[in-house]
Amino acid sequence: MRARLGLSYANITCELREVSLKDKPQAMITLSPKATVPILQLADGRVIDESYDIITWAIGQNDPDGWRAFLSQSAALINTNDGPFKLALDKYKYASRFTEHPPQTYRAEGEIFLKELEKILQEQPFLLGQKQTIADIALLPFIRQFAHVDRLWFFAAPYPHVQNWLTRYLGSDLFKNIMTKYAPWQAGNPAVYFPDSPEDNI
């Protein structure tokens, strides 16, 4: 989702191969032995297999709103998101695998970051100010996952500005455009393009 947001923002079309992580195709494992998604193979053969790296590559090709200027300003938020918050999120989301503590313990660990975001969003509509930047797009998928573990709790929790920020994105064309469902790829299938145009593909 994060990689698709970055590619969509940069207006870059690529051939898309949807995979089921329960049945990973050998072509995927050959391309990136760590076999996690997303994976982006460039025309020159290079492989990028981290979602944030795909975003930064994409805005290096086309950056209509000047997101590259916010890379250093975004770093602290993204490092916290991709580090301790994601660790808490994974344990909260898959609490049945992490039975040392109840889910509420992991949720409380994630709330540390939510409280930080709530303070920021009390003062401004986006994470770095008055307009959307790479920080918003990079954090959106993870805040959405956290919210969806227990939607009733999340939307009743004392984080109204985070809730409004998330709700605004969930209703946006940007979000809706990346949420198209695709059938899992198989060798020999006709090419499928994201965002569904074969023009200007990488």
Protein backbone atom coordinates (compact mmCIF):
# COMPACT_ATOMS: atom_id res chain seq x y z
CA MET A 1 0.00 0.00 0.00
CA ARG A 2 2.77 2.44 0.88
CA ALA A 3 4.64 1.72 -2.35
CA ARG A 4 1.47 2.08 -4.42
CA LEU A 5 0.79 5.45 -2.79
CA GLY A 6 4.25 6.64 -3.78
CA LEU A 7 3.99 5.39 -7.36
CA SER A 8 0.51 6.87 -7.72
CA TYR A 9 1.67 10.25 -6.40
CA ALA A 10 4.61 10.27 -8.83
CA ASN A 11 2.37 9.24 -11.75
CA ILE A 12 4.52 6.21 -12.49
CA THR A 13 2.91 3.21 -14.12
CA CYS A 14 4.37 -0.24 -13.64
CA GLU A 15 3.44 -3.82 -14.39
CA LEU A 16 1.78 -5.19 -11.27
CA ARG A 17 2.05 -8.77 -10.07
CA GLU A 18 -0.24 -9.43 -7.11
CA VAL A 19 0.98 -12.32 -4.96
CA SER A 20 -0.40 -14.41 -2.14
CA LEU A 21 2.14 -14.59 0.66
CA LYS A 22 0.78 -18.04 1.45
CA ASP A 23 1.81 -19.20 -2.03
CA LYS A 24 4.80 -17.13 -3.10
CA PRO A 25 5.78 -17.63 -6.74
CA GLN A 26 9.34 -18.73 -7.39
CA ALA A 27 9.86 -15.70 -9.64
CA MET A 28 9.32 -13.45 -6.61
CA ILE A 29 11.78 -15.39 -4.44
CA THR A 30 14.37 -15.33 -7.21
CA LEU A 31 13.99 -11.58 -7.59
CA SER A 32 14.27 -10.88 -3.86
CA PRO A 33 15.32 -13.81 -1.64
CA LYS A 34 13.81 -12.21 1.46
CA ALA A 35 10.46 -12.72 -0.34
CA THR A 36 8.52 -9.91 1.27
CA VAL A 37 6.34 -7.37 -0.49
CA PRO A 38 6.60 -4.93 -2.09
CA ILE A 39 9.31 -5.60 -4.65
CA LEU A 40 10.02 -3.21 -7.51
CA GLN A 41 12.25 -4.24 -10.40
CA LEU A 42 13.46 -1.33 -12.50
CA ALA A 43 14.05 -1.38 -16.24
CA ASP A 44 17.81 -1.61 -15.66
CA GLY A 45 17.38 -4.74 -13.53
CA ARG A 46 17.86 -3.12 -10.13
CA VAL A 47 15.55 -4.35 -7.38
CA ILE A 48 14.07 -2.21 -4.58
CA ASP A 49 12.40 -4.27 -1.88
CA GLU A 50 11.53 -1.76 0.86
CA SER A 51 8.36 0.30 0.57
CA TYR A 52 9.89 3.57 1.77
CA ASP A 53 12.80 3.14 -0.64
CA ILE A 54 10.28 2.70 -3.46
CA ILE A 55 8.63 6.00 -2.50
CA THR A 56 11.94 7.86 -2.40
CA TRP A 57 12.92 6.36 -5.77
CA ALA A 58 9.55 7.35 -7.24
CA ILE A 59 9.75 10.97 -6.11
CA GLY A 60 13.26 11.08 -7.52
CA GLN A 61 11.66 10.44 -10.92
CA ASN A 62 8.69 12.78 -10.58
CA ASP A 63 7.83 15.00 -7.64
CA PRO A 64 4.88 17.27 -8.51
CA ASP A 65 4.41 18.68 -5.00
CA GLY A 66 8.04 18.91 -3.96
CA TRP A 67 8.14 16.09 -1.41
CA ARG A 68 11.90 15.65 -1.69
CA ALA A 69 12.33 18.91 0.20
CA PHE A 70 10.69 17.22 3.22
CA LEU A 71 12.84 14.07 3.37
CA SER A 72 15.05 15.21 6.24
CA GLN A 73 12.12 16.78 8.08
CA SER A 74 10.20 13.50 7.79
CA ALA A 75 13.02 11.27 9.00
CA ALA A 76 12.29 11.29 12.74
CA LEU A 77 8.59 10.46 12.31
CA ILE A 78 9.28 7.74 9.76
CA ASN A 79 12.03 6.19 11.88
CA THR A 80 9.69 6.00 14.88
CA ASN A 81 6.89 4.64 12.71
CA ASP A 82 9.05 1.99 11.06
CA GLY A 83 10.79 1.11 14.32
CA PRO A 84 9.05 0.97 17.71
CA PHE A 85 5.55 1.72 16.40
CA LYS A 86 5.63 -1.03 13.77
CA LEU A 87 7.00 -3.46 16.36
CA ALA A 88 4.08 -2.66 18.68
CA LEU A 89 1.65 -2.81 15.75
CA ASP A 90 2.81 -6.27 14.69
CA LYS A 91 2.41 -7.62 18.21
CA TYR A 92 -0.98 -5.94 18.65
CA LYS A 93 -2.23 -7.13 15.27
CA TYR A 94 -0.97 -10.69 15.79
CA ALA A 95 -1.40 -10.88 19.55
CA SER A 96 -2.20 -14.60 19.37
CA ARG A 97 1.43 -15.17 18.39
CA PHE A 98 2.80 -12.96 21.17
CA THR A 99 1.18 -14.41 24.26
CA GLU A 100 3.64 -13.00 26.82
CA HIS A 101 1.29 -10.03 27.21
CA PRO A 102 -2.38 -9.26 26.46
CA PRO A 103 -3.17 -7.26 23.32
CA GLN A 104 -3.85 -4.14 25.40
CA THR A 105 -0.18 -4.05 26.40
CA TYR A 106 0.95 -3.86 22.78
CA ARG A 107 -1.79 -1.37 22.02
CA ALA A 108 -0.53 0.86 24.83
CA GLU A 109 2.97 0.69 23.36
CA GLY A 110 1.58 1.84 20.01
CA GLU A 111 -0.36 4.62 21.68
CA ILE A 112 2.89 6.34 22.62
CA PHE A 113 3.26 7.25 18.95
CA LEU A 114 -0.42 8.08 18.53
CA LYS A 115 -0.11 10.61 21.33
CA GLU A 116 2.83 12.22 19.55
CA LEU A 117 0.87 12.43 16.30
CA GLU A 118 -2.19 13.81 18.09
CA LYS A 119 -0.14 16.72 19.45
CA ILE A 120 1.18 17.48 15.98
CA LEU A 121 -2.23 17.30 14.30
CA GLN A 122 -3.82 19.54 16.93
CA GLU A 123 -1.81 22.37 15.43
CA GLN A 124 -1.98 21.63 11.71
CA PRO A 125 -3.92 19.48 9.20
CA PHE A 126 -0.94 17.42 8.04
CA LEU A 127 2.06 15.96 9.80
CA LEU A 128 4.53 18.53 8.55
CA GLY A 129 2.30 21.54 8.18
CA GLN A 130 -0.44 22.83 5.91
CA LYS A 131 -0.04 20.40 3.03
CA GLN A 132 0.38 16.69 2.43
CA THR A 133 3.95 15.43 2.26
CA ILE A 134 5.84 12.17 2.18
CA ALA A 135 5.42 11.91 5.97
CA ASP A 136 1.64 11.54 5.68
CA ILE A 137 1.84 8.94 2.92
CA ALA A 138 4.58 6.95 4.66
CA LEU A 139 2.64 6.71 7.95
CA LEU A 140 -0.88 6.26 6.58
CA PRO A 141 -0.79 2.48 5.96
CA PHE A 142 0.48 1.74 9.46
CA ILE A 143 -1.97 3.99 11.30
CA ARG A 144 -4.73 2.40 9.23
CA GLN A 145 -3.58 -1.08 10.26
CA PHE A 146 -3.46 -0.05 13.90
CA ALA A 147 -6.98 1.37 13.69
CA HIS A 148 -8.36 -1.74 12.02
CA VAL A 149 -7.25 -4.12 14.76
CA ASP A 150 -10.13 -2.78 16.85
CA ARG A 151 -12.02 -0.04 15.03
CA LEU A 152 -14.53 0.49 17.84
CA TRP A 153 -11.74 1.17 20.32
CA PHE A 154 -9.70 3.31 17.94
CA PHE A 155 -12.48 5.68 16.95
CA ALA A 156 -13.59 6.06 20.58
CA ALA A 157 -10.04 6.70 21.82
CA PRO A 158 -8.92 10.24 22.77
CA TYR A 159 -7.17 10.94 19.47
CA PRO A 160 -9.71 13.00 17.49
CA HIS A 161 -7.16 14.71 15.28
CA VAL A 162 -5.48 11.43 14.29
CA GLN A 163 -8.93 9.96 13.65
CA ASN A 164 -9.89 12.91 11.42
CA TRP A 165 -6.57 12.73 9.57
CA LEU A 166 -7.05 9.02 8.91
CA THR A 167 -10.72 9.35 7.96
CA ARG A 168 -9.89 12.09 5.48
CA TYR A 169 -7.40 9.82 3.77
CA LEU A 170 -9.68 6.78 3.75
CA GLY A 171 -12.24 8.83 1.85
CA SER A 172 -9.75 10.35 -0.60
CA ASP A 173 -9.39 9.54 -4.29
CA LEU A 174 -5.69 8.84 -3.69
CA PHE A 175 -6.55 6.05 -1.27
CA LYS A 176 -9.44 4.66 -3.30
CA ASN A 177 -7.30 4.53 -6.45
CA ILE A 178 -4.72 2.22 -4.87
CA MET A 179 -7.19 -0.19 -3.28
CA THR A 180 -8.27 -2.01 -6.44
CA LYS A 181 -8.27 -5.77 -5.89
CA TYR A 182 -6.22 -7.89 -8.27
CA ALA A 183 -6.12 -11.64 -8.84
CA PRO A 184 -2.82 -13.32 -7.83
CA TRP A 185 -0.30 -13.37 -10.65
CA GLN A 186 0.65 -16.58 -12.41
CA ALA A 187 3.28 -17.11 -15.10
CA GLY A 188 1.72 -16.65 -18.52
CA ASN A 189 -1.01 -14.29 -17.36
CA PRO A 190 -1.63 -11.14 -19.41
CA ALA A 191 0.19 -8.12 -18.01
CA VAL A 192 -1.71 -6.01 -15.46
CA TYR A 193 -0.69 -2.40 -14.96
CA PHE A 194 -0.89 -0.13 -11.95
CA PRO A 195 -2.54 2.34 -12.05
CA ASP A 196 -4.01 0.32 -14.96
CA SER A 197 -2.41 2.05 -17.94
CA PRO A 198 0.41 0.49 -20.00
CA GLU A 199 1.78 3.92 -20.92
CA ASP A 200 4.97 5.25 -19.34
CA ASN A 201 5.64 1.97 -17.54
CA ILE A 202 9.00 1.54 -15.87
